N, C-alpha and C. Protein backbone atom coordinates (compact mmCIF):
# COMPACT_ATOMS: atom_id res chain seq x y z
N MET A 1 98.91 118.10 107.45
CA MET A 1 99.07 117.22 106.32
C MET A 1 99.95 117.91 105.28
N LYS A 2 100.94 117.18 104.79
CA LYS A 2 101.83 117.71 103.76
C LYS A 2 101.70 116.86 102.50
N ILE A 3 101.47 117.57 101.39
CA ILE A 3 101.35 116.89 100.11
C ILE A 3 102.34 117.51 99.14
N VAL A 4 103.00 116.66 98.36
CA VAL A 4 103.80 117.14 97.24
C VAL A 4 103.22 116.52 95.99
N ALA A 5 103.41 117.23 94.88
CA ALA A 5 102.86 116.74 93.62
C ALA A 5 103.75 117.14 92.46
N ILE A 6 103.64 116.38 91.39
CA ILE A 6 104.23 116.75 90.12
C ILE A 6 103.13 116.69 89.08
N THR A 7 103.10 117.69 88.21
CA THR A 7 102.16 117.68 87.10
C THR A 7 102.95 117.72 85.80
N ALA A 8 102.51 116.92 84.82
CA ALA A 8 103.16 116.88 83.51
C ALA A 8 102.20 116.28 82.50
N CYS A 9 102.13 116.91 81.33
CA CYS A 9 101.30 116.40 80.25
C CYS A 9 102.13 116.32 78.97
N PRO A 10 101.63 115.65 77.95
CA PRO A 10 102.43 115.46 76.72
C PRO A 10 102.94 116.76 76.08
N THR A 11 102.11 117.78 76.01
CA THR A 11 102.58 119.02 75.39
C THR A 11 103.24 119.95 76.40
N GLY A 12 102.98 119.71 77.68
CA GLY A 12 103.64 120.50 78.72
C GLY A 12 103.14 121.92 78.82
N ILE A 13 101.92 122.13 78.40
CA ILE A 13 101.40 123.50 78.45
C ILE A 13 100.14 123.51 79.32
N ALA A 14 99.00 123.44 78.71
CA ALA A 14 97.73 123.68 79.40
C ALA A 14 97.48 122.76 80.59
N HIS A 15 97.42 121.46 80.35
CA HIS A 15 97.02 120.55 81.43
C HIS A 15 98.02 120.52 82.58
N THR A 16 99.29 120.69 82.27
CA THR A 16 100.30 120.72 83.34
C THR A 16 99.97 121.80 84.35
N TYR A 17 99.69 122.99 83.86
CA TYR A 17 99.47 124.13 84.75
C TYR A 17 98.04 124.17 85.31
N MET A 18 97.08 123.65 84.55
CA MET A 18 95.72 123.54 85.08
C MET A 18 95.68 122.54 86.23
N ALA A 19 96.41 121.43 86.10
CA ALA A 19 96.47 120.44 87.18
C ALA A 19 97.17 121.03 88.40
N GLN A 20 98.23 121.80 88.18
CA GLN A 20 98.92 122.46 89.28
C GLN A 20 97.94 123.36 90.05
N GLU A 21 97.20 124.15 89.32
CA GLU A 21 96.25 125.07 89.95
C GLU A 21 95.17 124.31 90.72
N ALA A 22 94.67 123.22 90.16
CA ALA A 22 93.64 122.43 90.84
C ALA A 22 94.17 121.84 92.14
N ILE A 23 95.40 121.34 92.12
CA ILE A 23 96.00 120.77 93.32
C ILE A 23 96.21 121.86 94.38
N GLU A 24 96.72 122.99 93.97
CA GLU A 24 96.96 124.07 94.92
C GLU A 24 95.66 124.55 95.56
N LYS A 25 94.62 124.72 94.77
CA LYS A 25 93.33 125.19 95.31
C LYS A 25 92.74 124.18 96.29
N GLU A 26 92.80 122.89 95.94
CA GLU A 26 92.24 121.87 96.83
C GLU A 26 93.05 121.77 98.13
N ALA A 27 94.37 121.87 98.02
CA ALA A 27 95.22 121.82 99.22
C ALA A 27 94.93 123.01 100.14
N GLU A 28 94.77 124.19 99.55
CA GLU A 28 94.45 125.37 100.35
C GLU A 28 93.08 125.24 101.00
N LYS A 29 92.13 124.70 100.27
CA LYS A 29 90.78 124.49 100.80
C LYS A 29 90.80 123.59 102.02
N ARG A 30 91.71 122.62 102.00
CA ARG A 30 91.80 121.67 103.11
C ARG A 30 92.84 122.09 104.15
N SER A 31 93.45 123.23 103.96
CA SER A 31 94.50 123.74 104.85
C SER A 31 95.70 122.79 104.95
N PHE A 32 96.05 122.17 103.84
CA PHE A 32 97.22 121.30 103.78
C PHE A 32 98.43 122.11 103.35
N GLU A 33 99.60 121.69 103.82
CA GLU A 33 100.84 122.22 103.28
C GLU A 33 101.07 121.51 101.96
N TYR A 34 101.60 122.23 100.97
CA TYR A 34 101.79 121.61 99.67
C TYR A 34 102.91 122.27 98.90
N GLN A 35 103.43 121.53 97.95
CA GLN A 35 104.34 122.07 96.96
C GLN A 35 104.12 121.28 95.68
N VAL A 36 104.02 122.00 94.56
CA VAL A 36 103.75 121.35 93.28
C VAL A 36 104.88 121.69 92.31
N GLU A 37 105.50 120.65 91.80
CA GLU A 37 106.52 120.79 90.76
C GLU A 37 105.84 120.59 89.42
N THR A 38 106.15 121.44 88.46
CA THR A 38 105.63 121.25 87.11
C THR A 38 106.78 120.85 86.19
N GLN A 39 106.49 119.93 85.30
CA GLN A 39 107.43 119.55 84.26
C GLN A 39 106.70 119.78 82.95
N GLY A 40 106.86 120.98 82.43
CA GLY A 40 106.11 121.37 81.25
C GLY A 40 106.98 121.96 80.17
N GLY A 41 106.35 122.76 79.34
CA GLY A 41 107.02 123.39 78.23
C GLY A 41 108.15 124.31 78.66
N MET A 42 108.10 124.79 79.87
CA MET A 42 109.13 125.68 80.40
C MET A 42 110.22 124.90 81.14
N GLY A 43 110.18 123.58 81.07
CA GLY A 43 111.13 122.75 81.80
C GLY A 43 110.59 122.45 83.20
N VAL A 44 111.48 122.11 84.11
CA VAL A 44 111.09 121.81 85.49
C VAL A 44 111.02 123.13 86.26
N GLU A 45 109.86 123.36 86.87
CA GLU A 45 109.66 124.56 87.69
C GLU A 45 109.25 124.13 89.08
N ASN A 46 109.66 124.91 90.08
CA ASN A 46 109.35 124.63 91.50
C ASN A 46 109.84 123.23 91.89
N GLU A 47 111.05 122.91 91.48
CA GLU A 47 111.59 121.56 91.70
C GLU A 47 111.53 121.17 93.17
N LEU A 48 111.03 119.99 93.43
CA LEU A 48 110.91 119.47 94.78
C LEU A 48 112.27 119.01 95.28
N GLU A 49 112.65 119.51 96.44
CA GLU A 49 113.88 119.07 97.08
C GLU A 49 113.63 117.71 97.73
N GLN A 50 114.66 116.90 97.85
CA GLN A 50 114.51 115.58 98.45
C GLN A 50 113.95 115.67 99.87
N GLU A 51 114.40 116.64 100.62
CA GLU A 51 113.92 116.81 102.00
C GLU A 51 112.41 117.08 102.03
N THR A 52 111.93 117.87 101.10
CA THR A 52 110.49 118.17 101.01
C THR A 52 109.71 116.91 100.69
N ILE A 53 110.23 116.11 99.77
CA ILE A 53 109.58 114.85 99.40
C ILE A 53 109.54 113.92 100.61
N ASP A 54 110.67 113.80 101.29
CA ASP A 54 110.76 112.91 102.45
C ASP A 54 109.79 113.30 103.56
N GLU A 55 109.55 114.60 103.73
CA GLU A 55 108.67 115.08 104.79
C GLU A 55 107.18 114.97 104.43
N ALA A 56 106.89 114.76 103.16
CA ALA A 56 105.49 114.72 102.72
C ALA A 56 104.79 113.45 103.23
N ASP A 57 103.50 113.61 103.51
CA ASP A 57 102.70 112.46 103.92
C ASP A 57 102.30 111.61 102.72
N VAL A 58 102.10 112.26 101.58
CA VAL A 58 101.65 111.55 100.38
C VAL A 58 102.10 112.34 99.15
N VAL A 59 102.22 111.62 98.03
CA VAL A 59 102.65 112.21 96.77
C VAL A 59 101.55 112.00 95.73
N ILE A 60 101.22 113.07 95.02
CA ILE A 60 100.29 112.97 93.90
C ILE A 60 101.08 113.23 92.63
N LEU A 61 101.06 112.27 91.72
CA LEU A 61 101.68 112.44 90.42
C LEU A 61 100.57 112.56 89.39
N ALA A 62 100.30 113.77 88.97
CA ALA A 62 99.29 114.03 87.94
C ALA A 62 100.04 114.14 86.62
N ILE A 63 100.34 112.97 86.06
CA ILE A 63 101.24 112.92 84.90
C ILE A 63 100.67 112.05 83.79
N ALA A 64 101.01 112.44 82.56
CA ALA A 64 100.61 111.65 81.39
C ALA A 64 101.83 111.33 80.54
N VAL A 65 103.01 111.63 81.07
CA VAL A 65 104.28 111.33 80.42
C VAL A 65 105.28 110.94 81.49
N GLU A 66 106.41 110.39 81.06
CA GLU A 66 107.48 110.09 82.01
C GLU A 66 108.02 111.40 82.57
N ILE A 67 108.41 111.37 83.82
CA ILE A 67 108.94 112.58 84.45
C ILE A 67 110.42 112.43 84.78
N GLU A 68 111.06 113.56 84.87
CA GLU A 68 112.47 113.58 85.29
C GLU A 68 112.54 113.36 86.79
N GLY A 69 113.52 112.61 87.23
CA GLY A 69 113.77 112.46 88.65
C GLY A 69 112.78 111.58 89.40
N TYR A 70 112.21 110.60 88.72
CA TYR A 70 111.24 109.73 89.39
C TYR A 70 111.87 109.00 90.56
N ASP A 71 113.15 108.72 90.46
CA ASP A 71 113.85 107.98 91.52
C ASP A 71 113.83 108.72 92.86
N ARG A 72 113.55 110.01 92.86
CA ARG A 72 113.44 110.75 94.13
C ARG A 72 112.31 110.21 95.00
N PHE A 73 111.38 109.49 94.37
CA PHE A 73 110.18 109.02 95.07
C PHE A 73 110.25 107.54 95.44
N ASP A 74 111.41 106.92 95.31
CA ASP A 74 111.53 105.48 95.56
C ASP A 74 111.01 105.07 96.94
N GLU A 75 111.37 105.82 97.97
CA GLU A 75 110.92 105.46 99.33
C GLU A 75 109.41 105.61 99.48
N LYS A 76 108.86 106.66 98.91
CA LYS A 76 107.40 106.86 98.99
C LYS A 76 106.68 105.76 98.22
N GLU A 77 107.25 105.37 97.08
CA GLU A 77 106.63 104.30 96.29
C GLU A 77 106.67 102.98 97.05
N ALA A 78 107.80 102.68 97.67
CA ALA A 78 107.93 101.45 98.45
C ALA A 78 106.94 101.42 99.61
N ALA A 79 106.63 102.60 100.15
CA ALA A 79 105.69 102.69 101.27
C ALA A 79 104.23 102.77 100.80
N GLY A 80 104.01 102.77 99.49
CA GLY A 80 102.65 102.85 98.96
C GLY A 80 102.00 104.21 99.14
N LEU A 81 102.81 105.26 99.10
CA LEU A 81 102.30 106.61 99.36
C LEU A 81 102.30 107.50 98.12
N ILE A 82 102.19 106.88 96.95
CA ILE A 82 102.12 107.63 95.70
C ILE A 82 100.81 107.32 95.00
N LEU A 83 100.10 108.38 94.64
CA LEU A 83 98.89 108.24 93.83
C LEU A 83 99.21 108.85 92.47
N GLU A 84 99.12 108.02 91.43
CA GLU A 84 99.37 108.50 90.08
C GLU A 84 98.05 108.58 89.33
N VAL A 85 97.76 109.76 88.80
CA VAL A 85 96.52 109.99 88.06
C VAL A 85 96.84 110.80 86.80
N ASP A 86 95.91 110.79 85.88
CA ASP A 86 96.03 111.62 84.69
C ASP A 86 95.79 113.08 85.09
N PRO A 87 96.49 114.02 84.49
CA PRO A 87 96.26 115.43 84.82
C PRO A 87 94.79 115.83 84.66
N GLY A 88 94.12 115.31 83.66
CA GLY A 88 92.71 115.63 83.45
C GLY A 88 91.84 115.23 84.61
N GLU A 89 92.19 114.13 85.26
CA GLU A 89 91.43 113.65 86.41
C GLU A 89 91.47 114.65 87.56
N VAL A 90 92.66 115.17 87.85
CA VAL A 90 92.78 116.13 88.96
C VAL A 90 92.16 117.48 88.59
N ILE A 91 92.16 117.80 87.31
CA ILE A 91 91.51 119.04 86.88
C ILE A 91 89.99 118.93 87.05
N ARG A 92 89.44 117.78 86.64
CA ARG A 92 87.99 117.57 86.71
C ARG A 92 87.47 117.38 88.13
N ASN A 93 88.24 116.65 88.94
CA ASN A 93 87.72 116.31 90.26
C ASN A 93 88.84 116.26 91.30
N PRO A 94 89.39 117.41 91.67
CA PRO A 94 90.49 117.42 92.63
C PRO A 94 90.12 116.85 94.00
N ALA A 95 88.89 117.06 94.44
CA ALA A 95 88.48 116.54 95.75
C ALA A 95 88.56 115.02 95.78
N LYS A 96 88.11 114.38 94.72
CA LYS A 96 88.16 112.91 94.64
C LYS A 96 89.60 112.42 94.65
N VAL A 97 90.48 113.10 93.91
CA VAL A 97 91.89 112.71 93.88
C VAL A 97 92.51 112.85 95.27
N PHE A 98 92.22 113.94 95.96
CA PHE A 98 92.75 114.12 97.31
C PHE A 98 92.21 113.05 98.26
N ASP A 99 90.93 112.73 98.13
CA ASP A 99 90.36 111.68 98.98
C ASP A 99 91.06 110.34 98.74
N GLU A 100 91.34 110.03 97.48
CA GLU A 100 92.06 108.80 97.15
C GLU A 100 93.48 108.82 97.70
N ALA A 101 94.13 109.97 97.63
CA ALA A 101 95.49 110.10 98.16
C ALA A 101 95.49 109.89 99.68
N LEU A 102 94.50 110.44 100.34
CA LEU A 102 94.42 110.31 101.80
C LEU A 102 94.14 108.87 102.22
N GLU A 103 93.46 108.11 101.39
CA GLU A 103 93.23 106.70 101.69
C GLU A 103 94.54 105.91 101.75
N LEU A 104 95.53 106.37 101.04
CA LEU A 104 96.84 105.69 101.07
C LEU A 104 97.50 105.79 102.43
N ILE A 105 97.17 106.84 103.17
CA ILE A 105 97.79 107.08 104.48
C ILE A 105 97.11 106.26 105.57
N SER A 106 95.81 106.10 105.46
CA SER A 106 95.08 105.43 106.56
C SER A 106 95.13 103.94 106.50
């Protein structure tokens, strides 16, 4: 299973990186391949390449603001393979968010 994600919050500091950490830990727990792009106070970090996005089974957008490069996900959105949640949601309950994301695939 391959998951890609973007995390972004209004201030681009705490929740952006806390959500990144929650996604990474849950993905590792489930032995999923993953890559998480952050769009925070430091700008865009770990930018997702289009090929990586295309190869992903599902996309998690843990965002509370508009993100740069949303158009990279047009095909995944058309296929219904994007789960958008608030960063706080993935911080509080990453297992539930992953379960919801996996429901998009089945």
